[in-house]
Amino acid sequence: MAITLGTPDGAGLSAAVGALRDWQDEGAPMQLHPGDLGWFWRFGADTTAAAVRTWSRDGRILAVGLLDGPGLLRMTIAPDARQDEELARRVVADVADPERDVLTPGAANIEAPMDALLQQMLAEHGWCGDEPWTPLRRDLRGEPVKESELRIEAVGAERVAERVAVQRAAFENSTFSREHWQAMAAGEMYADARCLIAYDDRSAAVAAVTVWSAGPGKPGLVEPMGVHRDHRGRGYGKAITEAAAAALQKLGSSSAIVATASSNVAGVATYKAAGFEARPEIRDMHREA
């Protein structure tokens, strides 16, 4: 059977999420996680579905991609299909042809598992490695995570304004809004997610995080974590990250994972301080304009 490229409807989106859940494993390289779609869901279910691409053979999904911004395709591949030559060739052809509605012409990046044949084939077609990212992991299968004494609260409807304010103050040019949080919280993946806020001793909201479970016994994702720009350098990033790990542990996750640009030295240091271990660097594949 030939491989088919698709953009899912509502039912198809659920199937894509299910495939992503199935592919999460402690032995897997850093890859697209259901939580990545969960965070993107802040733009609404229809927009999320329109940003997803699937590659299937005989009705089985072999690869899932998320168009996470202009010129960026974040994708992963079923473990037993990462050396599938037909699949790799089809993806390379699809991203090269704008009429197939995957990538627009010009500069672009593709994030894919480092052990996939796709990496080699993209290189053969002129793509090259981009700036390095550092994946980090904290094992959650042992003793309960010890949290800091900082006050940590779960976000519900009554705390949305504070969650939004921290996000916008933590990330330059963030457009996060109350409506975005509500759309995210209404998504099918948020049932296995937690949003947390850290408060200082004056009850100011100083940091926030959202975590996403992929199911019991699977790695859970930290996405995103941020500290309010007016409260940095006081250990709040470490505290909220420890709270994130504790929340994932309570959800049954086997580990907490995250990736940040290697150039973000402070971010890497924060995760390490919270008990995360750095793994080998990864790189997107980049196409020049």
Protein backbone atom coordinates (compact mmCIF):
# COMPACT_ATOMS: atom_id res chain seq x y z
CA MET A 1 0.00 0.00 0.00
CA ALA A 2 1.17 3.50 -0.82
CA ILE A 3 1.85 6.02 1.92
CA THR A 4 -0.75 8.78 2.16
CA LEU A 5 -0.35 12.28 3.53
CA GLY A 6 -3.30 13.70 5.42
CA THR A 7 -4.61 16.60 7.50
CA PRO A 8 -6.96 15.16 10.13
CA ASP A 9 -10.51 16.09 11.03
CA GLY A 10 -11.62 15.84 14.67
CA ALA A 11 -11.63 12.04 14.79
CA GLY A 12 -8.35 11.91 12.89
CA LEU A 13 -6.78 14.32 15.35
CA SER A 14 -7.68 12.01 18.22
CA ALA A 15 -6.08 9.13 16.32
CA ALA A 16 -2.91 11.17 15.83
CA VAL A 17 -2.79 11.97 19.54
CA GLY A 18 -3.27 8.29 20.31
CA ALA A 19 -0.35 7.37 18.07
CA LEU A 20 1.86 9.94 19.80
CA ARG A 21 0.93 8.46 23.17
CA ASP A 22 1.78 4.95 21.99
CA TRP A 23 5.21 6.03 20.72
CA GLN A 24 6.39 7.62 23.97
CA ASP A 25 8.88 5.34 25.69
CA GLU A 26 11.78 5.64 28.09
CA GLY A 27 14.16 4.33 25.45
CA ALA A 28 12.98 6.75 22.76
CA PRO A 29 14.90 9.83 21.64
CA MET A 30 13.44 13.26 22.31
CA GLN A 31 10.44 13.55 20.02
CA LEU A 32 7.09 15.20 19.43
CA HIS A 33 4.90 14.56 22.50
CA PRO A 34 1.11 14.66 22.94
CA GLY A 35 1.73 17.64 25.20
CA ASP A 36 3.15 19.60 22.30
CA LEU A 37 -0.24 19.30 20.63
CA GLY A 38 -1.90 20.04 23.96
CA TRP A 39 -0.05 23.33 24.30
CA PHE A 40 -0.76 24.21 20.66
CA TRP A 41 -4.45 23.57 21.42
CA ARG A 42 -4.57 27.04 22.97
CA PHE A 43 -5.37 28.20 19.45
CA GLY A 44 -8.44 25.97 19.32
CA ALA A 45 -9.28 22.47 18.12
CA ASP A 46 -9.84 23.45 14.49
CA THR A 47 -6.55 25.33 14.26
CA THR A 48 -4.72 22.44 15.88
CA ALA A 49 -6.19 19.93 13.45
CA ALA A 50 -5.26 22.18 10.52
CA ALA A 51 -1.64 22.28 11.75
CA VAL A 52 -1.25 18.50 12.01
CA ARG A 53 -0.01 16.25 9.21
CA THR A 54 -0.07 12.47 9.23
CA TRP A 55 1.64 9.90 7.02
CA SER A 56 -0.18 6.55 6.90
CA ARG A 57 0.02 3.19 5.19
CA ASP A 58 -2.97 0.87 4.95
CA GLY A 59 -4.81 2.93 7.57
CA ARG A 60 -1.98 2.89 10.11
CA ILE A 61 -0.36 6.18 11.11
CA LEU A 62 3.41 5.97 10.65
CA ALA A 63 4.37 9.60 11.33
CA VAL A 64 2.79 12.69 12.86
CA GLY A 65 3.89 16.26 12.26
CA LEU A 66 2.91 19.59 13.79
CA LEU A 67 3.36 22.84 11.85
CA ASP A 68 4.47 24.77 14.92
CA GLY A 69 4.94 28.20 13.39
CA PRO A 70 6.08 29.48 9.99
CA GLY A 71 8.55 27.11 8.38
CA LEU A 72 8.77 24.69 11.33
CA LEU A 73 7.59 21.09 11.10
CA ARG A 74 7.97 19.15 14.33
CA MET A 75 7.45 15.46 13.73
CA THR A 76 8.02 11.98 15.03
CA ILE A 77 7.81 8.52 13.55
CA ALA A 78 6.58 5.15 14.80
CA PRO A 79 9.55 3.29 16.32
CA ASP A 80 9.32 0.43 13.81
CA ALA A 81 9.11 2.86 10.87
CA ARG A 82 12.12 5.06 11.58
CA GLN A 83 14.21 3.15 9.04
CA ASP A 84 11.34 2.81 6.54
CA GLU A 85 12.85 4.02 3.27
CA GLU A 86 9.53 4.54 1.51
CA LEU A 87 8.27 6.71 4.37
CA ALA A 88 11.45 8.79 4.49
CA ARG A 89 11.36 9.39 0.74
CA ARG A 90 7.70 10.37 0.88
CA VAL A 91 8.28 12.91 3.67
CA VAL A 92 11.25 14.42 1.81
CA ALA A 93 9.12 14.77 -1.33
CA ASP A 94 6.17 16.23 0.57
CA VAL A 95 8.20 18.94 2.34
CA ALA A 96 9.86 19.89 -0.96
CA ASP A 97 6.59 20.49 -2.80
CA PRO A 98 4.59 23.52 -1.59
CA GLU A 99 1.47 22.20 -3.33
CA ARG A 100 1.37 19.31 -0.86
CA ASP A 101 0.64 21.83 1.89
CA VAL A 102 3.31 20.83 4.38
CA LEU A 103 5.96 23.56 4.15
CA THR A 104 5.86 26.82 2.25
CA PRO A 105 8.82 27.75 -0.01
CA GLY A 106 11.92 29.23 1.54
CA ALA A 107 13.79 28.70 4.79
CA ALA A 108 12.43 25.92 6.96
CA ASN A 109 13.26 23.61 9.85
CA ILE A 110 12.24 20.03 10.53
CA GLU A 111 12.49 18.46 13.96
CA ALA A 112 12.59 14.66 13.73
CA PRO A 113 14.03 11.80 15.82
CA MET A 114 17.79 11.72 15.50
CA ASP A 115 17.75 7.97 14.83
CA ALA A 116 15.38 8.22 11.85
CA LEU A 117 16.46 7.52 8.27
CA LEU A 118 14.71 10.78 7.42
CA GLN A 119 17.66 12.69 8.90
CA GLN A 120 20.05 11.13 6.37
CA MET A 121 17.72 11.63 3.44
CA LEU A 122 17.13 15.28 4.26
CA ALA A 123 20.90 15.78 4.36
CA GLU A 124 21.18 14.14 0.94
CA HIS A 125 18.69 16.70 -0.36
CA GLY A 126 20.62 19.72 0.90
CA TRP A 127 19.26 20.12 4.44
CA CYS A 128 21.81 20.71 7.20
CA GLY A 129 21.91 20.64 10.98
CA ASP A 130 20.70 23.78 12.76
CA GLU A 131 21.52 25.17 16.21
CA PRO A 132 21.75 22.53 18.98
CA TRP A 133 19.09 21.84 21.57
CA THR A 134 19.61 20.11 24.91
CA PRO A 135 17.06 17.48 25.97
CA LEU A 136 16.82 16.98 29.72
CA ARG A 137 15.18 14.22 31.76
CA ARG A 138 14.35 13.52 35.38
CA ASP A 139 13.54 9.95 36.39
CA LEU A 140 10.33 9.76 38.43
CA ARG A 141 10.26 6.04 39.17
CA GLY A 142 11.97 6.25 42.56
CA GLU A 143 11.27 8.22 45.71
CA PRO A 144 8.62 10.95 45.72
CA VAL A 145 9.92 14.24 44.37
CA LYS A 146 10.79 16.62 47.17
CA GLU A 147 9.22 19.99 46.48
CA SER A 148 10.38 23.37 47.73
CA GLU A 149 8.57 25.23 50.48
CA LEU A 150 7.40 27.82 47.97
CA ARG A 151 3.64 28.09 47.69
CA ILE A 152 2.45 26.26 44.56
CA GLU A 153 -1.16 26.37 43.37
CA ALA A 154 -2.98 24.55 40.58
CA VAL A 155 -4.58 26.79 37.98
CA GLY A 156 -8.34 26.77 37.70
CA ALA A 157 -10.73 29.38 36.39
CA GLU A 158 -10.01 31.64 39.36
CA ARG A 159 -6.26 31.83 38.63
CA VAL A 160 -6.27 32.20 34.85
CA ALA A 161 -5.47 35.92 34.92
CA GLU A 162 -2.33 35.26 36.99
CA ARG A 163 -1.31 32.36 34.75
CA VAL A 164 -1.65 34.60 31.70
CA ALA A 165 0.27 37.45 33.34
CA VAL A 166 3.23 35.22 34.26
CA GLN A 167 3.36 33.70 30.78
CA ARG A 168 3.41 37.10 29.10
CA ALA A 169 6.04 38.40 31.51
CA ALA A 170 8.22 35.30 31.12
CA PHE A 171 8.32 35.09 27.33
CA GLU A 172 9.05 38.06 25.12
CA ASN A 173 6.34 38.67 22.51
CA SER A 174 4.00 36.13 24.09
CA THR A 175 0.36 36.52 22.99
CA PHE A 176 -1.04 34.11 25.59
CA SER A 177 -4.49 35.13 26.78
CA ARG A 178 -7.42 34.03 28.93
CA GLU A 179 -9.10 32.74 25.78
CA HIS A 180 -6.01 30.72 24.91
CA TRP A 181 -5.94 29.10 28.35
CA GLN A 182 -9.63 28.27 28.16
CA ALA A 183 -9.23 26.69 24.71
CA MET A 184 -6.23 24.68 25.94
CA ALA A 185 -8.07 23.53 29.07
CA ALA A 186 -11.03 22.43 26.95
CA GLY A 187 -8.81 20.23 24.76
CA GLU A 188 -8.87 16.47 25.04
CA MET A 189 -5.28 16.29 26.32
CA TYR A 190 -5.75 18.66 29.24
CA ALA A 191 -7.41 15.91 31.27
CA ASP A 192 -3.86 14.54 31.68
CA ALA A 193 -2.23 17.93 32.25
CA ARG A 194 -1.65 20.30 35.15
CA CYS A 195 -1.03 24.06 35.15
CA LEU A 196 0.80 25.42 38.22
CA ILE A 197 1.73 28.84 39.58
CA ALA A 198 4.41 29.62 42.17
CA TYR A 199 3.93 32.51 44.63
CA ASP A 200 6.51 34.35 46.69
CA ASP A 201 6.13 35.27 50.35
CA ARG A 202 4.19 38.38 49.35
CA SER A 203 1.70 36.29 47.32
CA ALA A 204 2.99 37.60 44.00
CA ALA A 205 2.76 35.12 41.12
CA VAL A 206 6.41 34.61 40.16
CA ALA A 207 6.57 31.51 37.95
CA ALA A 208 4.31 29.11 36.08
CA VAL A 209 4.44 25.77 34.31
CA THR A 210 2.22 23.39 32.40
CA VAL A 211 2.92 19.65 32.38
CA TRP A 212 1.49 16.94 30.15
CA SER A 213 1.19 13.24 30.86
CA ALA A 214 1.25 10.72 28.02
CA GLY A 215 -0.21 8.08 30.31
CA PRO A 216 1.06 5.97 33.24
CA GLY A 217 4.55 4.59 32.79
CA LYS A 218 5.45 7.00 29.98
CA PRO A 219 7.54 10.18 29.88
CA GLY A 220 5.65 13.37 30.72
CA LEU A 221 6.45 16.73 29.18
CA VAL A 222 7.21 20.12 30.74
CA GLU A 223 5.85 22.69 28.25
CA PRO A 224 6.13 25.57 28.96
CA MET A 225 7.93 26.75 32.11
CA GLY A 226 8.66 30.40 32.74
CA VAL A 227 9.66 32.84 35.46
CA HIS A 228 8.27 36.37 35.58
CA ARG A 229 10.94 38.79 34.31
CA ASP A 230 10.70 40.87 37.51
CA HIS A 231 11.44 37.88 39.75
CA ARG A 232 14.36 36.09 38.13
CA GLY A 233 17.53 35.00 39.87
CA ARG A 234 15.81 33.95 43.09
CA GLY A 235 15.42 30.21 42.59
CA TYR A 236 11.80 30.32 41.46
CA GLY A 237 12.58 28.48 38.22
CA LYS A 238 14.05 25.57 40.17
CA ALA A 239 11.08 25.53 42.54
CA ILE A 240 8.39 25.51 39.84
CA THR A 241 10.32 22.86 37.87
CA GLU A 242 10.46 20.62 40.93
CA ALA A 243 6.72 21.16 41.34
CA ALA A 244 6.27 20.19 37.69
CA ALA A 245 8.18 16.94 38.23
CA ALA A 246 6.10 16.19 41.34
CA ALA A 247 2.88 16.80 39.42
CA LEU A 248 3.93 14.43 36.64
CA GLN A 249 4.94 11.82 39.18
CA LYS A 250 1.48 11.97 40.72
CA LEU A 251 0.00 11.52 37.22
CA GLY A 252 2.00 8.30 36.88
CA SER A 253 4.69 9.52 34.49
CA SER A 254 7.91 7.51 34.44
CA SER A 255 10.01 10.61 33.84
CA ALA A 256 9.78 14.33 33.20
CA ILE A 257 11.31 15.54 29.94
CA VAL A 258 11.98 18.93 28.38
CA ALA A 259 14.20 20.41 25.68
CA THR A 260 15.65 23.89 25.48
CA ALA A 261 18.08 25.62 23.14
CA SER A 262 21.64 24.84 24.21
CA SER A 263 22.34 28.57 23.95
CA ASN A 264 19.85 29.09 26.80
CA VAL A 265 22.52 28.46 29.40
CA ALA A 266 20.39 29.74 32.28
CA GLY A 267 17.50 27.52 31.29
CA VAL A 268 19.68 24.41 31.09
CA ALA A 269 21.16 25.26 34.50
CA THR A 270 17.70 25.69 36.02
CA TYR A 271 16.57 22.26 34.87
CA LYS A 272 19.78 20.66 36.11
CA ALA A 273 19.32 22.34 39.49
CA ALA A 274 15.84 20.78 39.64
CA GLY A 275 17.26 17.28 39.22
CA PHE A 276 17.14 16.91 35.43
CA GLU A 277 20.03 15.32 33.58
CA ALA A 278 21.15 16.59 30.18
CA ARG A 279 21.10 14.11 27.32
CA PRO A 280 23.05 14.30 24.03
CA GLU A 281 22.29 17.41 22.01
CA ILE A 282 19.85 17.26 19.12
CA ARG A 283 19.47 19.46 16.05
CA ASP A 284 16.68 20.36 13.69
CA MET A 285 17.37 19.94 9.99
CA HIS A 286 17.44 23.31 8.24
CA ARG A 287 16.75 24.37 4.65
CA GLU A 288 18.07 27.68 3.40
CA ALA A 289 15.73 30.11 1.66
